[in-house]
């Protein structure tokens, strides 16, 4: 059963930003989909099991952006 989680990423301003964040989050184990709304910074992640916030935060940091606190 797939799990959907939502996050907000700060600092994304263009399609390159979206691609960088998508690539890093997609590389996390079990992730099957990433959808990003550039306007709001909203990120919806579909995965096989719940992801740890630390793993998502590390992926977003690696892309050069910041995960907003929930």
PDB file of N, CA and C in Angstrom:
ATOM      1  N   UNK A   1       0.840  -1.179   0.000  1.00  0.00           N
ATOM      2  CA  UNK A   1       0.000   0.000   0.000  1.00  0.00           C
ATOM      3  C   UNK A   1       0.888   1.246   0.000  1.00  0.00           C
ATOM      4  N   UNK A   2       0.611   2.168  -0.901  1.00  0.00           N
ATOM      5  CA  UNK A   2       1.418   3.382  -1.017  1.00  0.00           C
ATOM      6  C   UNK A   2       1.049   4.377   0.079  1.00  0.00           C
ATOM      7  N   UNK A   3       2.058   5.122   0.495  1.00  0.00           N
ATOM      8  CA  UNK A   3       1.897   6.164   1.509  1.00  0.00           C
ATOM      9  C   UNK A   3       2.173   7.500   0.834  1.00  0.00           C
ATOM     10  N   UNK A   4       1.319   8.494   1.102  1.00  0.00           N
ATOM     11  CA  UNK A   4       1.521   9.833   0.554  1.00  0.00           C
ATOM     12  C   UNK A   4       1.828  10.789   1.694  1.00  0.00           C
ATOM     13  N   UNK A   5       2.902  11.555   1.541  1.00  0.00           N
ATOM     14  CA  UNK A   5       3.318  12.543   2.542  1.00  0.00           C
ATOM     15  C   UNK A   5       3.458  13.888   1.851  1.00  0.00           C
ATOM     16  N   UNK A   6       3.179  14.956   2.597  1.00  0.00           N
ATOM     17  CA  UNK A   6       3.339  16.295   2.021  1.00  0.00           C
ATOM     18  C   UNK A   6       4.321  17.107   2.857  1.00  0.00           C
ATOM     19  N   UNK A   7       5.077  17.934   2.163  1.00  0.00           N
ATOM     20  CA  UNK A   7       6.095  18.773   2.779  1.00  0.00           C
ATOM     21  C   UNK A   7       6.060  20.130   2.097  1.00  0.00           C
ATOM     22  N   UNK A   8       6.733  21.103   2.684  1.00  0.00           N
ATOM     23  CA  UNK A   8       6.921  22.402   2.055  1.00  0.00           C
ATOM     24  C   UNK A   8       8.411  22.685   1.994  1.00  0.00           C
ATOM     25  N   UNK A   9       8.866  23.043   0.804  1.00  0.00           N
ATOM     26  CA  UNK A   9      10.279  23.345   0.584  1.00  0.00           C
ATOM     27  C   UNK A   9      10.412  24.841   0.322  1.00  0.00           C
ATOM     28  N   UNK A  10      11.335  25.481   1.024  1.00  0.00           N
ATOM     29  CA  UNK A  10      11.584  26.913   0.870  1.00  0.00           C
ATOM     30  C   UNK A  10      12.751  27.136  -0.084  1.00  0.00           C
ATOM     31  N   UNK A  11      12.615  28.183  -0.896  1.00  0.00           N
ATOM     32  CA  UNK A  11      13.727  28.608  -1.739  1.00  0.00           C
ATOM     33  C   UNK A  11      13.637  28.201  -3.197  1.00  0.00           C
ATOM     34  N   UNK A  12      12.654  27.412  -3.585  1.00  0.00           N
ATOM     35  CA  UNK A  12      12.535  27.015  -4.989  1.00  0.00           C
ATOM     36  C   UNK A  12      11.921  28.162  -5.790  1.00  0.00           C
ATOM     37  N   UNK A  13      12.552  28.521  -6.921  1.00  0.00           N
ATOM     38  CA  UNK A  13      12.065  29.640  -7.723  1.00  0.00           C
ATOM     39  C   UNK A  13      11.899  29.318  -9.202  1.00  0.00           C
ATOM     40  N   UNK A  14      12.350  28.142  -9.647  1.00  0.00           N
ATOM     41  CA  UNK A  14      12.307  27.841 -11.081  1.00  0.00           C
ATOM     42  C   UNK A  14      12.224  26.336 -11.323  1.00  0.00           C
ATOM     43  N   UNK A  15      12.132  25.972 -12.597  1.00  0.00           N
ATOM     44  CA  UNK A  15      12.028  24.550 -12.935  1.00  0.00           C
ATOM     45  C   UNK A  15      13.301  23.788 -12.578  1.00  0.00           C
ATOM     46  N   UNK A  16      14.453  24.442 -12.618  1.00  0.00           N
ATOM     47  CA  UNK A  16      15.697  23.783 -12.199  1.00  0.00           C
ATOM     48  C   UNK A  16      15.607  23.387 -10.729  1.00  0.00           C
ATOM     49  N   UNK A  17      15.037  24.263  -9.911  1.00  0.00           N
ATOM     50  CA  UNK A  17      14.861  23.972  -8.487  1.00  0.00           C
ATOM     51  C   UNK A  17      13.986  22.732  -8.318  1.00  0.00           C
ATOM     52  N   UNK A  18      12.888  22.713  -9.050  1.00  0.00           N
ATOM     53  CA  UNK A  18      11.954  21.588  -8.978  1.00  0.00           C
ATOM     54  C   UNK A  18      12.666  20.299  -9.377  1.00  0.00           C
ATOM     55  N   UNK A  19      13.440  20.349 -10.461  1.00  0.00           N
ATOM     56  CA  UNK A  19      14.146  19.154 -10.924  1.00  0.00           C
ATOM     57  C   UNK A  19      15.160  18.665  -9.899  1.00  0.00           C
ATOM     58  N   UNK A  20      15.889  19.591  -9.278  1.00  0.00           N
ATOM     59  CA  UNK A  20      16.910  19.211  -8.297  1.00  0.00           C
ATOM     60  C   UNK A  20      16.268  18.534  -7.086  1.00  0.00           C
ATOM     61  N   UNK A  21      15.182  19.119  -6.568  1.00  0.00           N
ATOM     62  CA  UNK A  21      14.508  18.546  -5.401  1.00  0.00           C
ATOM     63  C   UNK A  21      13.875  17.207  -5.767  1.00  0.00           C
ATOM     64  N   UNK A  22      13.240  17.132  -6.930  1.00  0.00           N
ATOM     65  CA  UNK A  22      12.617  15.890  -7.378  1.00  0.00           C
ATOM     66  C   UNK A  22      13.651  14.773  -7.481  1.00  0.00           C
ATOM     67  N   UNK A  23      14.799  15.078  -8.064  1.00  0.00           N
ATOM     68  CA  UNK A  23      15.851  14.071  -8.241  1.00  0.00           C
ATOM     69  C   UNK A  23      16.340  13.534  -6.896  1.00  0.00           C
ATOM     70  N   UNK A  24      16.591  14.418  -5.945  1.00  0.00           N
ATOM     71  CA  UNK A  24      17.115  13.995  -4.646  1.00  0.00           C
ATOM     72  C   UNK A  24      16.080  13.182  -3.856  1.00  0.00           C
ATOM     73  N   UNK A  25      14.834  13.637  -3.833  1.00  0.00           N
ATOM     74  CA  UNK A  25      13.809  12.900  -3.085  1.00  0.00           C
ATOM     75  C   UNK A  25      13.506  11.565  -3.763  1.00  0.00           C
ATOM     76  N   UNK A  26      13.505  11.553  -5.097  1.00  0.00           N
ATOM     77  CA  UNK A  26      13.236  10.313  -5.832  1.00  0.00           C
ATOM     78  C   UNK A  26      14.279   9.238  -5.554  1.00  0.00           C
ATOM     79  N   UNK A  27      15.485   9.657  -5.168  1.00  0.00           N
ATOM     80  CA  UNK A  27      16.562   8.708  -4.891  1.00  0.00           C
ATOM     81  C   UNK A  27      16.401   8.007  -3.545  1.00  0.00           C
ATOM     82  N   UNK A  28      15.487   8.487  -2.694  1.00  0.00           N
ATOM     83  CA  UNK A  28      15.276   7.840  -1.393  1.00  0.00           C
ATOM     84  C   UNK A  28      14.647   6.466  -1.603  1.00  0.00           C
ATOM     85  N   UNK A  29      15.040   5.485  -0.797  1.00  0.00           N
ATOM     86  CA  UNK A  29      14.494   4.132  -0.944  1.00  0.00           C
ATOM     87  C   UNK A  29      12.976   4.112  -0.780  1.00  0.00           C
ATOM     88  N   UNK A  30      12.298   3.451  -1.723  1.00  0.00           N
ATOM     89  CA  UNK A  30      10.867   3.255  -1.633  1.00  0.00           C
ATOM     90  C   UNK A  30      10.027   4.347  -2.266  1.00  0.00           C
ATOM     91  N   UNK A  31      10.655   5.449  -2.693  1.00  0.00           N
ATOM     92  CA  UNK A  31       9.889   6.552  -3.284  1.00  0.00           C
ATOM     93  C   UNK A  31       9.479   6.172  -4.708  1.00  0.00           C
ATOM     94  N   UNK A  32       8.176   6.304  -4.987  1.00  0.00           N
ATOM     95  CA  UNK A  32       7.675   5.963  -6.319  1.00  0.00           C
ATOM     96  C   UNK A  32       7.167   7.184  -7.084  1.00  0.00           C
ATOM     97  N   UNK A  33       7.029   8.329  -6.398  1.00  0.00           N
ATOM     98  CA  UNK A  33       6.579   9.520  -7.097  1.00  0.00           C
ATOM     99  C   UNK A  33       6.804  10.775  -6.283  1.00  0.00           C
ATOM    100  N   UNK A  34       7.090  11.871  -6.998  1.00  0.00           N
ATOM    101  CA  UNK A  34       7.275  13.179  -6.366  1.00  0.00           C
ATOM    102  C   UNK A  34       6.558  14.203  -7.235  1.00  0.00           C
ATOM    103  N   UNK A  35       5.659  14.975  -6.629  1.00  0.00           N
ATOM    104  CA  UNK A  35       4.976  16.051  -7.336  1.00  0.00           C
ATOM    105  C   UNK A  35       5.241  17.344  -6.579  1.00  0.00           C
ATOM    106  N   UNK A  36       5.603  18.396  -7.330  1.00  0.00           N
ATOM    107  CA  UNK A  36       5.944  19.668  -6.702  1.00  0.00           C
ATOM    108  C   UNK A  36       5.101  20.783  -7.303  1.00  0.00           C
ATOM    109  N   UNK A  37       4.545  21.620  -6.432  1.00  0.00           N
ATOM    110  CA  UNK A  37       3.851  22.843  -6.833  1.00  0.00           C
ATOM    111  C   UNK A  37       4.820  23.987  -6.565  1.00  0.00           C
ATOM    112  N   UNK A  38       5.416  24.508  -7.617  1.00  0.00           N
ATOM    113  CA  UNK A  38       6.438  25.541  -7.480  1.00  0.00           C
ATOM    114  C   UNK A  38       5.897  26.788  -6.776  1.00  0.00           C
ATOM    115  N   UNK A  39       4.661  27.161  -7.085  1.00  0.00           N
ATOM    116  CA  UNK A  39       4.082  28.365  -6.512  1.00  0.00           C
ATOM    117  C   UNK A  39       3.992  28.340  -4.997  1.00  0.00           C
ATOM    118  N   UNK A  40       3.594  27.197  -4.451  1.00  0.00           N
ATOM    119  CA  UNK A  40       3.415  27.091  -2.995  1.00  0.00           C
ATOM    120  C   UNK A  40       4.611  26.457  -2.303  1.00  0.00           C
ATOM    121  N   UNK A  41       5.477  25.798  -3.085  1.00  0.00           N
ATOM    122  CA  UNK A  41       6.588  25.057  -2.493  1.00  0.00           C
ATOM    123  C   UNK A  41       6.151  23.705  -1.964  1.00  0.00           C
ATOM    124  N   UNK A  42       4.909  23.333  -2.256  1.00  0.00           N
ATOM    125  CA  UNK A  42       4.380  22.059  -1.771  1.00  0.00           C
ATOM    126  C   UNK A  42       4.975  20.875  -2.500  1.00  0.00           C
ATOM    127  N   UNK A  43       5.345  19.863  -1.728  1.00  0.00           N
ATOM    128  CA  UNK A  43       5.920  18.642  -2.284  1.00  0.00           C
ATOM    129  C   UNK A  43       5.103  17.461  -1.781  1.00  0.00           C
ATOM    130  N   UNK A  44       4.581  16.669  -2.710  1.00  0.00           N
ATOM    131  CA  UNK A  44       3.838  15.469  -2.361  1.00  0.00           C
ATOM    132  C   UNK A  44       4.674  14.271  -2.777  1.00  0.00           C
ATOM    133  N   UNK A  45       4.963  13.402  -1.807  1.00  0.00           N
ATOM    134  CA  UNK A  45       5.821  12.244  -2.047  1.00  0.00           C
ATOM    135  C   UNK A  45       5.004  10.971  -1.846  1.00  0.00           C
ATOM    136  N   UNK A  46       5.056  10.081  -2.825  1.00  0.00           N
ATOM    137  CA  UNK A  46       4.415   8.776  -2.724  1.00  0.00           C
ATOM    138  C   UNK A  46       5.512   7.743  -2.535  1.00  0.00           C
ATOM    139  N   UNK A  47       5.349   6.902  -1.513  1.00  0.00           N
ATOM    140  CA  UNK A  47       6.379   5.902  -1.218  1.00  0.00           C
ATOM    141  C   UNK A  47       5.743   4.606  -0.749  1.00  0.00           C
ATOM    142  N   UNK A  48       6.545   3.546  -0.752  1.00  0.00           N
ATOM    143  CA  UNK A  48       6.067   2.224  -0.351  1.00  0.00           C
ATOM    144  C   UNK A  48       5.829   2.149   1.153  1.00  0.00           C
ATOM    145  N   UNK A  49       6.564   2.937   1.913  1.00  0.00           N
ATOM    146  CA  UNK A  49       6.446   2.961   3.374  1.00  0.00           C
ATOM    147  C   UNK A  49       6.672   4.399   3.828  1.00  0.00           C
ATOM    148  N   UNK A  50       6.234   4.740   5.035  1.00  0.00           N
ATOM    149  CA  UNK A  50       6.453   6.107   5.520  1.00  0.00           C
ATOM    150  C   UNK A  50       7.938   6.474   5.508  1.00  0.00           C
ATOM    151  N   UNK A  51       8.226   7.686   5.096  1.00  0.00           N
ATOM    152  CA  UNK A  51       9.609   8.177   5.076  1.00  0.00           C
ATOM    153  C   UNK A  51       9.879   8.949   6.355  1.00  0.00           C
ATOM    154  N   UNK A  52      11.088   8.859   6.834  1.00  0.00           N
ATOM    155  CA  UNK A  52      11.479   9.651   7.989  1.00  0.00           C
ATOM    156  C   UNK A  52      11.697  11.097   7.569  1.00  0.00           C
ATOM    157  N   UNK A  53      11.257  12.032   8.402  1.00  0.00           N
ATOM    158  CA  UNK A  53      11.454  13.442   8.081  1.00  0.00           C
ATOM    159  C   UNK A  53      12.927  13.780   7.916  1.00  0.00           C
ATOM    160  N   UNK A  54      13.797  13.117   8.683  1.00  0.00           N
ATOM    161  CA  UNK A  54      15.235  13.384   8.585  1.00  0.00           C
ATOM    162  C   UNK A  54      15.766  13.013   7.204  1.00  0.00           C
ATOM    163  N   UNK A  55      15.267  11.908   6.636  1.00  0.00           N
ATOM    164  CA  UNK A  55      15.711  11.473   5.308  1.00  0.00           C
ATOM    165  C   UNK A  55      15.266  12.464   4.245  1.00  0.00           C
ATOM    166  N   UNK A  56      14.025  12.936   4.353  1.00  0.00           N
ATOM    167  CA  UNK A  56      13.513  13.908   3.388  1.00  0.00           C
ATOM    168  C   UNK A  56      14.261  15.230   3.543  1.00  0.00           C
ATOM    169  N   UNK A  57      14.479  15.657   4.788  1.00  0.00           N
ATOM    170  CA  UNK A  57      15.216  16.901   5.041  1.00  0.00           C
ATOM    171  C   UNK A  57      16.627  16.814   4.447  1.00  0.00           C
ATOM    172  N   UNK A  58      17.294  15.687   4.606  1.00  0.00           N
ATOM    173  CA  UNK A  58      18.653  15.508   4.071  1.00  0.00           C
ATOM    174  C   UNK A  58      18.646  15.570   2.543  1.00  0.00           C
ATOM    175  N   UNK A  59      17.636  14.982   1.917  1.00  0.00           N
ATOM    176  CA  UNK A  59      17.550  15.006   0.452  1.00  0.00           C
ATOM    177  C   UNK A  59      17.322  16.424  -0.043  1.00  0.00           C
ATOM    178  N   UNK A  60      16.435  17.159   0.615  1.00  0.00           N
ATOM    179  CA  UNK A  60      16.163  18.541   0.228  1.00  0.00           C
ATOM    180  C   UNK A  60      17.409  19.402   0.448  1.00  0.00           C
ATOM    181  N   UNK A  61      18.100  19.189   1.568  1.00  0.00           N
ATOM    182  CA  UNK A  61      19.346  19.916   1.830  1.00  0.00           C
ATOM    183  C   UNK A  61      20.377  19.637   0.741  1.00  0.00           C
ATOM    184  N   UNK A  62      20.472  18.372   0.331  1.00  0.00           N
ATOM    185  CA  UNK A  62      21.431  17.971  -0.705  1.00  0.00           C
ATOM    186  C   UNK A  62      21.142  18.695  -2.017  1.00  0.00           C
ATOM    187  N   UNK A  63      19.863  18.963  -2.280  1.00  0.00           N
ATOM    188  CA  UNK A  63      19.476  19.678  -3.496  1.00  0.00           C
ATOM    189  C   UNK A  63      19.740  21.181  -3.371  1.00  0.00           C
ATOM    190  N   UNK A  64      20.028  21.650  -2.147  1.00  0.00           N
ATOM    191  CA  UNK A  64      20.345  23.053  -1.944  1.00  0.00           C
ATOM    192  C   UNK A  64      19.184  23.899  -1.445  1.00  0.00           C
ATOM    193  N   UNK A  65      18.176  23.249  -0.882  1.00  0.00           N
ATOM    194  CA  UNK A  65      16.988  23.961  -0.423  1.00  0.00           C
ATOM    195  C   UNK A  65      16.698  23.576   1.019  1.00  0.00           C
ATOM    196  N   UNK A  66      15.642  24.160   1.572  1.00  0.00           N
ATOM    197  CA  UNK A  66      15.342  23.947   2.975  1.00  0.00           C
ATOM    198  C   UNK A  66      13.917  23.434   3.148  1.00  0.00           C
ATOM    199  N   UNK A  67      13.781  22.387   3.931  1.00  0.00           N
ATOM    200  CA  UNK A  67      12.465  21.853   4.269  1.00  0.00           C
ATOM    201  C   UNK A  67      11.864  22.725   5.352  1.00  0.00           C
ATOM    202  N   UNK A  68      10.665  23.249   5.116  1.00  0.00           N
ATOM    203  CA  UNK A  68      10.011  24.092   6.102  1.00  0.00           C
ATOM    204  C   UNK A  68       9.553  23.231   7.278  1.00  0.00           C
ATOM    205  N   UNK A  69       9.595  23.788   8.471  1.00  0.00           N
ATOM    206  CA  UNK A  69       9.118  23.068   9.636  1.00  0.00           C
ATOM    207  C   UNK A  69       7.617  22.894   9.535  1.00  0.00           C
ATOM    208  N   UNK A  70       7.155  21.742   9.991  1.00  0.00           N
ATOM    209  CA  UNK A  70       5.731  21.424   9.889  1.00  0.00           C
ATOM    210  C   UNK A  70       4.885  22.301  10.782  1.00  0.00           C
TER     211      UNK A  70
END
